[in-house]
Amino acid sequence: MSNEQEEPGSSVLEPVTYWVLYDDGSVGRIESTTGEPELNQPGHFVTEAEYQQRVAELEAANAEWIAEQQAADVARQREDYLALIEAGVPETTARRLSGYEGEAVKG
């Protein structure tokens, strides 16, 4: 996977990019002017397309996790809000304390 190119009359090599999929599921992008680098953790070199595919998978999984966390936060805020209202706390105070921004409880 080496595409090192030396300009005529120059001893400076252009950096070559290497894409890595590590065994733990993470990815890496390494630029080197000294040839294929040695990996500091278990993994293997892949094509740029394979790297980009894995990055897209990781981004999608991260977006899903964030959405799940946000939904859990909203549910917790609603539960806290309802408990505060039930305890007799004024609605504006219950909203401020719970962080709830949904519809008001009809009483």
PDB file of N, CA and C in Angstrom:
ATOM      1  N   MET A   1       0.820  -1.194   0.000  1.00  0.00           N
ATOM      2  CA  MET A   1       0.000   0.000   0.000  1.00  0.00           C
ATOM      3  C   MET A   1       0.858   1.249   0.000  1.00  0.00           C
ATOM      4  N   SER A   2       1.950   1.225  -0.636  1.00  0.00           N
ATOM      5  CA  SER A   2       2.835   2.366  -0.589  1.00  0.00           C
ATOM      6  C   SER A   2       2.782   3.115  -1.905  1.00  0.00           C
ATOM      7  N   ASN A   3       2.630   4.429  -1.794  1.00  0.00           N
ATOM      8  CA  ASN A   3       2.602   5.285  -2.970  1.00  0.00           C
ATOM      9  C   ASN A   3       3.639   6.388  -2.829  1.00  0.00           C
ATOM     10  N   GLU A   4       4.744   6.101  -2.198  1.00  0.00           N
ATOM     11  CA  GLU A   4       5.749   7.125  -1.960  1.00  0.00           C
ATOM     12  C   GLU A   4       6.270   7.631  -3.291  1.00  0.00           C
ATOM     13  N   GLN A   5       6.378   8.954  -3.385  1.00  0.00           N
ATOM     14  CA  GLN A   5       6.888   9.539  -4.610  1.00  0.00           C
ATOM     15  C   GLN A   5       7.920  10.585  -4.255  1.00  0.00           C
ATOM     16  N   GLU A   6       9.011  10.535  -4.958  1.00  0.00           N
ATOM     17  CA  GLU A   6      10.094  11.485  -4.739  1.00  0.00           C
ATOM     18  C   GLU A   6      10.169  12.387  -5.957  1.00  0.00           C
ATOM     19  N   GLU A   7      10.191  13.688  -5.725  1.00  0.00           N
ATOM     20  CA  GLU A   7      10.312  14.624  -6.825  1.00  0.00           C
ATOM     21  C   GLU A   7      11.727  14.539  -7.387  1.00  0.00           C
ATOM     22  N   PRO A   8      11.856  14.696  -8.725  1.00  0.00           N
ATOM     23  CA  PRO A   8      13.205  14.666  -9.318  1.00  0.00           C
ATOM     24  C   PRO A   8      14.087  15.739  -8.693  1.00  0.00           C
ATOM     25  N   GLY A   9      15.285  15.375  -8.336  1.00  0.00           N
ATOM     26  CA  GLY A   9      16.230  16.308  -7.758  1.00  0.00           C
ATOM     27  C   GLY A   9      15.988  16.612  -6.295  1.00  0.00           C
ATOM     28  N   SER A  10      15.060  15.926  -5.663  1.00  0.00           N
ATOM     29  CA  SER A  10      14.741  16.175  -4.251  1.00  0.00           C
ATOM     30  C   SER A  10      14.876  14.878  -3.483  1.00  0.00           C
ATOM     31  N   SER A  11      15.367  14.977  -2.251  1.00  0.00           N
ATOM     32  CA  SER A  11      15.470  13.776  -1.431  1.00  0.00           C
ATOM     33  C   SER A  11      14.365  13.726  -0.385  1.00  0.00           C
ATOM     34  N   VAL A  12      13.377  14.651  -0.487  1.00  0.00           N
ATOM     35  CA  VAL A  12      12.268  14.692   0.457  1.00  0.00           C
ATOM     36  C   VAL A  12      11.107  13.888  -0.110  1.00  0.00           C
ATOM     37  N   LEU A  13      10.656  12.921   0.644  1.00  0.00           N
ATOM     38  CA  LEU A  13       9.539  12.092   0.209  1.00  0.00           C
ATOM     39  C   LEU A  13       8.219  12.758   0.571  1.00  0.00           C
ATOM     40  N   GLU A  14       7.255  12.593  -0.298  1.00  0.00           N
ATOM     41  CA  GLU A  14       5.903  13.065  -0.004  1.00  0.00           C
ATOM     42  C   GLU A  14       5.281  12.100   1.002  1.00  0.00           C
ATOM     43  N   PRO A  15       4.506  12.627   1.947  1.00  0.00           N
ATOM     44  CA  PRO A  15       3.859  11.725   2.901  1.00  0.00           C
ATOM     45  C   PRO A  15       2.844  10.813   2.202  1.00  0.00           C
ATOM     46  N   VAL A  16       2.784   9.604   2.670  1.00  0.00           N
ATOM     47  CA  VAL A  16       1.824   8.625   2.175  1.00  0.00           C
ATOM     48  C   VAL A  16       0.862   8.327   3.309  1.00  0.00           C
ATOM     49  N   THR A  17      -0.413   8.249   2.974  1.00  0.00           N
ATOM     50  CA  THR A  17      -1.436   7.980   3.982  1.00  0.00           C
ATOM     51  C   THR A  17      -1.734   6.490   4.034  1.00  0.00           C
ATOM     52  N   TYR A  18      -1.787   5.970   5.253  1.00  0.00           N
ATOM     53  CA  TYR A  18      -2.150   4.577   5.510  1.00  0.00           C
ATOM     54  C   TYR A  18      -3.391   4.589   6.396  1.00  0.00           C
ATOM     55  N   TRP A  19      -4.351   3.719   6.076  1.00  0.00           N
ATOM     56  CA  TRP A  19      -5.583   3.624   6.851  1.00  0.00           C
ATOM     57  C   TRP A  19      -5.568   2.294   7.594  1.00  0.00           C
ATOM     58  N   VAL A  20      -6.006   2.333   8.836  1.00  0.00           N
ATOM     59  CA  VAL A  20      -5.891   1.164   9.712  1.00  0.00           C
ATOM     60  C   VAL A  20      -7.226   0.873  10.386  1.00  0.00           C
ATOM     61  N   LEU A  21      -7.567  -0.404  10.452  1.00  0.00           N
ATOM     62  CA  LEU A  21      -8.653  -0.877  11.307  1.00  0.00           C
ATOM     63  C   LEU A  21      -7.988  -1.664  12.428  1.00  0.00           C
ATOM     64  N   TYR A  22      -8.210  -1.205  13.650  1.00  0.00           N
ATOM     65  CA  TYR A  22      -7.631  -1.886  14.805  1.00  0.00           C
ATOM     66  C   TYR A  22      -8.569  -2.988  15.280  1.00  0.00           C
ATOM     67  N   ASP A  23      -8.004  -3.977  15.922  1.00  0.00           N
ATOM     68  CA  ASP A  23      -8.777  -5.132  16.380  1.00  0.00           C
ATOM     69  C   ASP A  23      -9.854  -4.762  17.394  1.00  0.00           C
ATOM     70  N   ASP A  24      -9.704  -3.633  18.088  1.00  0.00           N
ATOM     71  CA  ASP A  24     -10.722  -3.224  19.062  1.00  0.00           C
ATOM     72  C   ASP A  24     -11.895  -2.484  18.400  1.00  0.00           C
ATOM     73  N   GLY A  25     -11.865  -2.354  17.066  1.00  0.00           N
ATOM     74  CA  GLY A  25     -12.955  -1.705  16.345  1.00  0.00           C
ATOM     75  C   GLY A  25     -12.699  -0.249  16.001  1.00  0.00           C
ATOM     76  N   SER A  26     -11.638   0.327  16.531  1.00  0.00           N
ATOM     77  CA  SER A  26     -11.329   1.718  16.229  1.00  0.00           C
ATOM     78  C   SER A  26     -10.574   1.807  14.902  1.00  0.00           C
ATOM     79  N   VAL A  27     -10.378   3.030  14.446  1.00  0.00           N
ATOM     80  CA  VAL A  27      -9.704   3.251  13.172  1.00  0.00           C
ATOM     81  C   VAL A  27      -8.524   4.188  13.357  1.00  0.00           C
ATOM     82  N   GLY A  28      -7.657   4.205  12.375  1.00  0.00           N
ATOM     83  CA  GLY A  28      -6.530   5.116  12.416  1.00  0.00           C
ATOM     84  C   GLY A  28      -6.156   5.558  11.013  1.00  0.00           C
ATOM     85  N   ARG A  29      -5.628   6.763  10.944  1.00  0.00           N
ATOM     86  CA  ARG A  29      -5.122   7.324   9.695  1.00  0.00           C
ATOM     87  C   ARG A  29      -3.705   7.805   9.994  1.00  0.00           C
ATOM     88  N   ILE A  30      -2.734   7.249   9.286  1.00  0.00           N
ATOM     89  CA  ILE A  30      -1.333   7.539   9.562  1.00  0.00           C
ATOM     90  C   ILE A  30      -0.676   8.069   8.292  1.00  0.00           C
ATOM     91  N   GLU A  31       0.024   9.179   8.422  1.00  0.00           N
ATOM     92  CA  GLU A  31       0.832   9.682   7.314  1.00  0.00           C
ATOM     93  C   GLU A  31       2.292   9.384   7.626  1.00  0.00           C
ATOM     94  N   SER A  32       2.998   8.881   6.616  1.00  0.00           N
ATOM     95  CA  SER A  32       4.391   8.502   6.828  1.00  0.00           C
ATOM     96  C   SER A  32       5.218   8.868   5.600  1.00  0.00           C
ATOM     97  N   THR A  33       6.432   9.272   5.856  1.00  0.00           N
ATOM     98  CA  THR A  33       7.393   9.500   4.773  1.00  0.00           C
ATOM     99  C   THR A  33       8.495   8.452   4.799  1.00  0.00           C
ATOM    100  N   THR A  34       8.354   7.470   5.681  1.00  0.00           N
ATOM    101  CA  THR A  34       9.401   6.461   5.836  1.00  0.00           C
ATOM    102  C   THR A  34       8.907   5.056   5.508  1.00  0.00           C
ATOM    103  N   GLY A  35       7.821   4.957   4.787  1.00  0.00           N
ATOM    104  CA  GLY A  35       7.290   3.650   4.437  1.00  0.00           C
ATOM    105  C   GLY A  35       6.180   3.226   5.370  1.00  0.00           C
ATOM    106  N   GLU A  36       5.737   2.000   5.187  1.00  0.00           N
ATOM    107  CA  GLU A  36       4.623   1.483   5.977  1.00  0.00           C
ATOM    108  C   GLU A  36       4.981   1.492   7.460  1.00  0.00           C
ATOM    109  N   PRO A  37       4.184   2.179   8.264  1.00  0.00           N
ATOM    110  CA  PRO A  37       4.514   2.275   9.691  1.00  0.00           C
ATOM    111  C   PRO A  37       4.211   0.981  10.435  1.00  0.00           C
ATOM    112  N   GLU A  38       4.849   0.851  11.574  1.00  0.00           N
ATOM    113  CA  GLU A  38       4.575  -0.268  12.465  1.00  0.00           C
ATOM    114  C   GLU A  38       3.407   0.134  13.351  1.00  0.00           C
ATOM    115  N   LEU A  39       2.443  -0.746  13.507  1.00  0.00           N
ATOM    116  CA  LEU A  39       1.279  -0.447  14.350  1.00  0.00           C
ATOM    117  C   LEU A  39       1.625  -0.680  15.809  1.00  0.00           C
ATOM    118  N   ASN A  40       1.150   0.205  16.679  1.00  0.00           N
ATOM    119  CA  ASN A  40       1.449   0.085  18.103  1.00  0.00           C
ATOM    120  C   ASN A  40       0.387  -0.694  18.870  1.00  0.00           C
ATOM    121  N   GLN A  41      -0.621  -1.165  18.148  1.00  0.00           N
ATOM    122  CA  GLN A  41      -1.632  -2.045  18.738  1.00  0.00           C
ATOM    123  C   GLN A  41      -2.133  -2.969  17.628  1.00  0.00           C
ATOM    124  N   PRO A  42      -2.750  -4.101  17.990  1.00  0.00           N
ATOM    125  CA  PRO A  42      -3.183  -5.064  16.974  1.00  0.00           C
ATOM    126  C   PRO A  42      -4.181  -4.451  15.991  1.00  0.00           C
ATOM    127  N   GLY A  43      -3.934  -4.668  14.714  1.00  0.00           N
ATOM    128  CA  GLY A  43      -4.804  -4.177  13.659  1.00  0.00           C
ATOM    129  C   GLY A  43      -4.210  -4.501  12.309  1.00  0.00           C
ATOM    130  N   HIS A  44      -4.841  -3.953  11.268  1.00  0.00           N
ATOM    131  CA  HIS A  44      -4.337  -4.204   9.925  1.00  0.00           C
ATOM    132  C   HIS A  44      -4.629  -3.020   9.013  1.00  0.00           C
ATOM    133  N   PHE A  45      -3.817  -2.887   7.974  1.00  0.00           N
ATOM    134  CA  PHE A  45      -3.993  -1.822   7.002  1.00  0.00           C
ATOM    135  C   PHE A  45      -5.141  -2.178   6.065  1.00  0.00           C
ATOM    136  N   VAL A  46      -5.891  -1.156   5.663  1.00  0.00           N
ATOM    137  CA  VAL A  46      -7.023  -1.343   4.761  1.00  0.00           C
ATOM    138  C   VAL A  46      -7.005  -0.247   3.700  1.00  0.00           C
ATOM    139  N   THR A  47      -7.926  -0.349   2.766  1.00  0.00           N
ATOM    140  CA  THR A  47      -8.057   0.697   1.758  1.00  0.00           C
ATOM    141  C   THR A  47      -8.764   1.907   2.363  1.00  0.00           C
ATOM    142  N   GLU A  48      -8.649   3.021   1.691  1.00  0.00           N
ATOM    143  CA  GLU A  48      -9.345   4.224   2.157  1.00  0.00           C
ATOM    144  C   GLU A  48     -10.854   3.992   2.199  1.00  0.00           C
ATOM    145  N   ALA A  49     -11.391   3.268   1.231  1.00  0.00           N
ATOM    146  CA  ALA A  49     -12.837   2.990   1.194  1.00  0.00           C
ATOM    147  C   ALA A  49     -13.270   2.170   2.409  1.00  0.00           C
ATOM    148  N   GLU A  50     -12.484   1.170   2.774  1.00  0.00           N
ATOM    149  CA  GLU A  50     -12.809   0.360   3.955  1.00  0.00           C
ATOM    150  C   GLU A  50     -12.744   1.210   5.223  1.00  0.00           C
ATOM    151  N   TYR A  51     -11.736   2.069   5.288  1.00  0.00           N
ATOM    152  CA  TYR A  51     -11.597   2.984   6.420  1.00  0.00           C
ATOM    153  C   TYR A  51     -12.819   3.903   6.514  1.00  0.00           C
ATOM    154  N   GLN A  52     -13.206   4.513   5.385  1.00  0.00           N
ATOM    155  CA  GLN A  52     -14.338   5.432   5.372  1.00  0.00           C
ATOM    156  C   GLN A  52     -15.637   4.718   5.756  1.00  0.00           C
ATOM    157  N   GLN A  53     -15.796   3.478   5.333  1.00  0.00           N
ATOM    158  CA  GLN A  53     -16.977   2.700   5.691  1.00  0.00           C
ATOM    159  C   GLN A  53     -17.044   2.490   7.204  1.00  0.00           C
ATOM    160  N   ARG A  54     -15.913   2.141   7.802  1.00  0.00           N
ATOM    161  CA  ARG A  54     -15.881   1.928   9.258  1.00  0.00           C
ATOM    162  C   ARG A  54     -16.125   3.227   9.999  1.00  0.00           C
ATOM    163  N   VAL A  55     -15.570   4.340   9.512  1.00  0.00           N
ATOM    164  CA  VAL A  55     -15.814   5.641  10.134  1.00  0.00           C
ATOM    165  C   VAL A  55     -17.308   5.950  10.101  1.00  0.00           C
ATOM    166  N   ALA A  56     -17.952   5.699   8.967  1.00  0.00           N
ATOM    167  CA  ALA A  56     -19.397   5.935   8.852  1.00  0.00           C
ATOM    168  C   ALA A  56     -20.171   5.065   9.838  1.00  0.00           C
ATOM    169  N   GLU A  57     -19.760   3.820  10.002  1.00  0.00           N
ATOM    170  CA  GLU A  57     -20.414   2.923  10.972  1.00  0.00           C
ATOM    171  C   GLU A  57     -20.254   3.459  12.394  1.00  0.00           C
ATOM    172  N   LEU A  58     -19.048   3.912  12.721  1.00  0.00           N
ATOM    173  CA  LEU A  58     -18.800   4.452  14.061  1.00  0.00           C
ATOM    174  C   LEU A  58     -19.616   5.723  14.295  1.00  0.00           C
ATOM    175  N   GLU A  59     -19.695   6.586  13.291  1.00  0.00           N
ATOM    176  CA  GLU A  59     -20.478   7.821  13.423  1.00  0.00           C
ATOM    177  C   GLU A  59     -21.957   7.508  13.606  1.00  0.00           C
ATOM    178  N   ALA A  60     -22.476   6.516  12.867  1.00  0.00           N
ATOM    179  CA  ALA A  60     -23.883   6.126  13.001  1.00  0.00           C
ATOM    180  C   ALA A  60     -24.152   5.548  14.396  1.00  0.00           C
ATOM    181  N   ALA A  61     -23.250   4.714  14.876  1.00  0.00           N
ATOM    182  CA  ALA A  61     -23.415   4.135  16.217  1.00  0.00           C
ATOM    183  C   ALA A  61     -23.367   5.226  17.279  1.00  0.00           C
ATOM    184  N   ASN A  62     -22.491   6.204  17.097  1.00  0.00           N
ATOM    185  CA  ASN A  62     -22.390   7.307  18.043  1.00  0.00           C
ATOM    186  C   ASN A  62     -23.666   8.150  18.030  1.00  0.00           C
ATOM    187  N   ALA A  63     -24.199   8.429  16.847  1.00  0.00           N
ATOM    188  CA  ALA A  63     -25.439   9.207  16.736  1.00  0.00           C
ATOM    189  C   ALA A  63     -26.596   8.464  17.399  1.00  0.00           C
ATOM    190  N   GLU A  64     -26.639   7.153  17.226  1.00  0.00           N
ATOM    191  CA  GLU A  64     -27.688   6.345  17.861  1.00  0.00           C
ATOM    192  C   GLU A  64     -27.563   6.405  19.387  1.00  0.00           C
ATOM    193  N   TRP A  65     -26.345   6.291  19.889  1.00  0.00           N
ATOM    194  CA  TRP A  65     -26.113   6.342  21.331  1.00  0.00           C
ATOM    195  C   TRP A  65     -26.527   7.700  21.891  1.00  0.00           C
ATOM    196  N   ILE A  66     -26.175   8.765  21.185  1.00  0.00           N
ATOM    197  CA  ILE A  66     -26.550  10.109  21.627  1.00  0.00           C
ATOM    198  C   ILE A  66     -28.066  10.252  21.668  1.00  0.00           C
ATOM    199  N   ALA A  67     -28.756   9.762  20.640  1.00  0.00           N
ATOM    200  CA  ALA A  67     -30.221   9.836  20.609  1.00  0.00           C
ATOM    201  C   ALA A  67     -30.832   9.065  21.785  1.00  0.00           C
ATOM    202  N   GLU A  68     -30.277   7.904  22.090  1.00  0.00           N
ATOM    203  CA  GLU A  68     -30.763   7.117  23.225  1.00  0.00           C
ATOM    204  C   GLU A  68     -30.563   7.875  24.537  1.00  0.00           C
ATOM    205  N   GLN A  69     -29.401   8.500  24.695  1.00  0.00           N
ATOM    206  CA  GLN A  69     -29.121   9.261  25.914  1.00  0.00           C
ATOM    207  C   GLN A  69     -30.050  10.462  26.043  1.00  0.00           C
ATOM    208  N   GLN A  70     -30.301  11.141  24.931  1.00  0.00           N
ATOM    209  CA  GLN A  70     -31.196  12.295  24.959  1.00  0.00           C
ATOM    210  C   GLN A  70     -32.620  11.871  25.306  1.00  0.00           C
ATOM    211  N   ALA A  71     -33.078  10.745  24.752  1.00  0.00           N
ATOM    212  CA  ALA A  71     -34.418  10.239  25.063  1.00  0.00           C
ATOM    213  C   ALA A  71     -34.517   9.863  26.539  1.00  0.00           C
ATOM    214  N   ALA A  72     -33.474   9.255  27.070  1.00  0.00           N
ATOM    215  CA  ALA A  72     -33.464   8.894  28.491  1.00  0.00           C
ATOM    216  C   ALA A  72     -33.486  10.152  29.360  1.00  0.00           C
ATOM    217  N   ASP A  73     -32.764  11.188  28.953  1.00  0.00           N
ATOM    218  CA  ASP A  73     -32.763  12.460  29.697  1.00  0.00           C
ATOM    219  C   ASP A  73     -34.151  13.077  29.720  1.00  0.00           C
ATOM    220  N   VAL A  74     -34.823  13.086  28.572  1.00  0.00           N
ATOM    221  CA  VAL A  74     -36.173  13.659  28.493  1.00  0.00           C
ATOM    222  C   VAL A  74     -37.125  12.867  29.389  1.00  0.00           C
ATOM    223  N   ALA A  75     -37.032  11.553  29.356  1.00  0.00           N
ATOM    224  CA  ALA A  75     -37.901  10.721  30.193  1.00  0.00           C
ATOM    225  C   ALA A  75     -37.650  10.992  31.681  1.00  0.00           C
ATOM    226  N   ARG A  76     -36.365  11.090  32.053  1.00  0.00           N
ATOM    227  CA  ARG A  76     -36.029  11.379  33.455  1.00  0.00           C
ATOM    228  C   ARG A  76     -36.539  12.752  33.862  1.00  0.00           C
ATOM    229  N   GLN A  77     -36.366  13.730  33.005  1.00  0.00           N
ATOM    230  CA  GLN A  77     -36.839  15.084  33.306  1.00  0.00           C
ATOM    231  C   GLN A  77     -38.353  15.101  33.494  1.00  0.00           C
ATOM    232  N   ARG A  78     -39.070  14.372  32.648  1.00  0.00           N
ATOM    233  CA  ARG A  78     -40.529  14.317  32.775  1.00  0.00           C
ATOM    234  C   ARG A  78     -40.934  13.655  34.087  1.00  0.00           C
ATOM    235  N   GLU A  79     -40.271  12.562  34.429  1.00  0.00           N
ATOM    236  CA  GLU A  79     -40.566  11.876  35.693  1.00  0.00           C
ATOM    237  C   GLU A  79     -40.328  12.810  36.877  1.00  0.00           C
ATOM    238  N   ASP A  80     -39.186  13.503  36.859  1.00  0.00           N
ATOM    239  CA  ASP A  80     -38.874  14.441  37.941  1.00  0.00           C
ATOM    240  C   ASP A  80     -39.899  15.567  38.003  1.00  0.00           C
ATOM    241  N   TYR A  81     -40.264  16.096  36.857  1.00  0.00           N
ATOM    242  CA  TYR A  81     -41.255  17.172  36.773  1.00  0.00           C
ATOM    243  C   TYR A  81     -42.590  16.724  37.372  1.00  0.00           C
ATOM    244  N   LEU A  82     -43.047  15.546  36.951  1.00  0.00           N
ATOM    245  CA  LEU A  82     -44.328  15.034  37.460  1.00  0.00           C
ATOM    246  C   LEU A  82     -44.274  14.799  38.965  1.00  0.00           C
ATOM    247  N   ALA A  83     -43.155  14.289  39.449  1.00  0.00           N
ATOM    248  CA  ALA A  83     -43.020  14.057  40.891  1.00  0.00           C
ATOM    249  C   ALA A  83     -43.049  15.381  41.655  1.00  0.00           C
ATOM    250  N   LEU A  84     -42.400  16.393  41.120  1.00  0.00           N
ATOM    251  CA  LEU A  84     -42.406  17.706  41.769  1.00  0.00           C
ATOM    252  C   LEU A  84     -43.813  18.320  41.764  1.00  0.00           C
ATOM    253  N   ILE A  85     -44.502  18.211  40.644  1.00  0.00           N
ATOM    254  CA  ILE A  85     -45.882  18.727  40.550  1.00  0.00           C
ATOM    255  C   ILE A  85     -46.759  17.998  41.561  1.00  0.00           C
ATOM    256  N   GLU A  86     -46.624  16.686  41.625  1.00  0.00           N
ATOM    257  CA  GLU A  86     -47.415  15.879  42.552  1.00  0.00           C
ATOM    258  C   GLU A  86     -47.115  16.253  44.009  1.00  0.00           C
ATOM    259  N   ALA A  87     -45.897  16.692  44.269  1.00  0.00           N
ATOM    260  CA  ALA A  87     -45.521  17.091  45.623  1.00  0.00           C
ATOM    261  C   ALA A  87     -45.963  18.518  45.946  1.00  0.00           C
ATOM    262  N   GLY A  88     -46.592  19.177  44.976  1.00  0.00           N
ATOM    263  CA  GLY A  88     -47.114  20.511  45.226  1.00  0.00           C
ATOM    264  C   GLY A  88     -46.190  21.649  44.858  1.00  0.00           C
ATOM    265  N   VAL A  89     -45.108  21.356  44.179  1.00  0.00           N
ATOM    266  CA  VAL A  89     -44.171  22.405  43.750  1.00  0.00           C
ATOM    267  C   VAL A  89     -44.819  23.165  42.594  1.00  0.00           C
ATOM    268  N   PRO A  90     -44.769  24.478  42.596  1.00  0.00           N
ATOM    269  CA  PRO A  90     -45.337  25.250  41.489  1.00  0.00           C
ATOM    270  C   PRO A  90     -44.731  24.831  40.149  1.00  0.00           C
ATOM    271  N   GLU A  91     -45.548  24.936  39.093  1.00  0.00           N
ATOM    272  CA  GLU A  91     -45.146  24.429  37.786  1.00  0.00           C
ATOM    273  C   GLU A  91     -43.859  25.061  37.263  1.00  0.00           C
ATOM    274  N   THR A  92     -43.703  26.351  37.372  1.00  0.00           N
ATOM    275  CA  THR A  92     -42.486  26.993  36.862  1.00  0.00           C
ATOM    276  C   THR A  92     -41.246  26.524  37.630  1.00  0.00           C
ATOM    277  N   THR A  93     -41.386  26.328  38.921  1.00  0.00           N
ATOM    278  CA  THR A  93     -40.271  25.838  39.734  1.00  0.00           C
ATOM    279  C   THR A  93     -39.971  24.382  39.393  1.00  0.00           C
ATOM    280  N   ALA A  94     -41.020  23.583  39.195  1.00  0.00           N
ATOM    281  CA  ALA A  94     -40.844  22.171  38.828  1.00  0.00           C
ATOM    282  C   ALA A  94     -40.103  22.064  37.496  1.00  0.00           C
ATOM    283  N   ARG A  95     -40.425  22.926  36.557  1.00  0.00           N
ATOM    284  CA  ARG A  95     -39.733  22.934  35.265  1.00  0.00           C
ATOM    285  C   ARG A  95     -38.256  23.292  35.452  1.00  0.00           C
ATOM    286  N   ARG A  96     -38.001  24.327  36.225  1.00  0.00           N
ATOM    287  CA  ARG A  96     -36.627  24.775  36.422  1.00  0.00           C
ATOM    288  C   ARG A  96     -35.803  23.691  37.127  1.00  0.00           C
ATOM    289  N   LEU A  97     -36.352  23.079  38.148  1.00  0.00           N
ATOM    290  CA  LEU A  97     -35.619  22.061  38.905  1.00  0.00           C
ATOM    291  C   LEU A  97     -35.385  20.778  38.103  1.00  0.00           C
ATOM    292  N   SER A  98     -36.365  20.419  37.282  1.00  0.00           N
ATOM    293  CA  SER A  98     -36.267  19.160  36.535  1.00  0.00           C
ATOM    294  C   SER A  98     -35.615  19.314  35.166  1.00  0.00           C
ATOM    295  N   GLY A  99     -35.661  20.526  34.632  1.00  0.00           N
ATOM    296  CA  GLY A  99     -35.161  20.736  33.279  1.00  0.00           C
ATOM    297  C   GLY A  99     -36.169  20.341  32.214  1.00  0.00           C
ATOM    298  N   TYR A 100     -37.367  19.981  32.643  1.00  0.00           N
ATOM    299  CA  TYR A 100     -38.416  19.542  31.721  1.00  0.00           C
ATOM    300  C   TYR A 100     -38.925  20.695  30.877  1.00  0.00           C
ATOM    301  N   GLU A 101     -39.038  20.456  29.558  1.00  0.00           N
ATOM    302  CA  GLU A 101     -39.516  21.488  28.638  1.00  0.00           C
ATOM    303  C   GLU A 101     -40.727  21.042  27.841  1.00  0.00           C
ATOM    304  N   GLY A 102     -41.324  19.905  28.198  1.00  0.00           N
ATOM    305  CA  GLY A 102     -42.478  19.381  27.476  1.00  0.00           C
ATOM    306  C   GLY A 102     -43.761  20.096  27.842  1.00  0.00           C
ATOM    307  N   GLU A 103     -44.860  19.473  27.435  1.00  0.00           N
ATOM    308  CA  GLU A 103     -46.181  20.047  27.705  1.00  0.00           C
ATOM    309  C   GLU A 103     -46.483  20.035  29.200  1.00  0.00           C
ATOM    310  N   ALA A 104     -47.216  21.066  29.603  1.00  0.00           N
ATOM    311  CA  ALA A 104     -47.619  21.176  31.011  1.00  0.00           C
ATOM    312  C   ALA A 104     -48.631  20.085  31.337  1.00  0.00           C
ATOM    313  N   VAL A 105     -48.638  19.686  32.599  1.00  0.00           N
ATOM    314  CA  VAL A 105     -49.608  18.696  33.071  1.00  0.00           C
ATOM    315  C   VAL A 105     -50.947  19.397  33.259  1.00  0.00           C
ATOM    316  N   LYS A 106     -51.975  18.810  32.682  1.00  0.00           N
ATOM    317  CA  LYS A 106     -53.323  19.373  32.864  1.00  0.00           C
ATOM    318  C   LYS A 106     -53.873  18.825  34.173  1.00  0.00           C
ATOM    319  N   GLY A 107     -54.295  19.753  35.010  1.00  0.00           N
ATOM    320  CA  GLY A 107     -54.734  19.330  36.323  1.00  0.00           C
ATOM    321  C   GLY A 107     -56.167  19.489  36.479  1.00  0.00           C
TER     322      GLY A 107
END
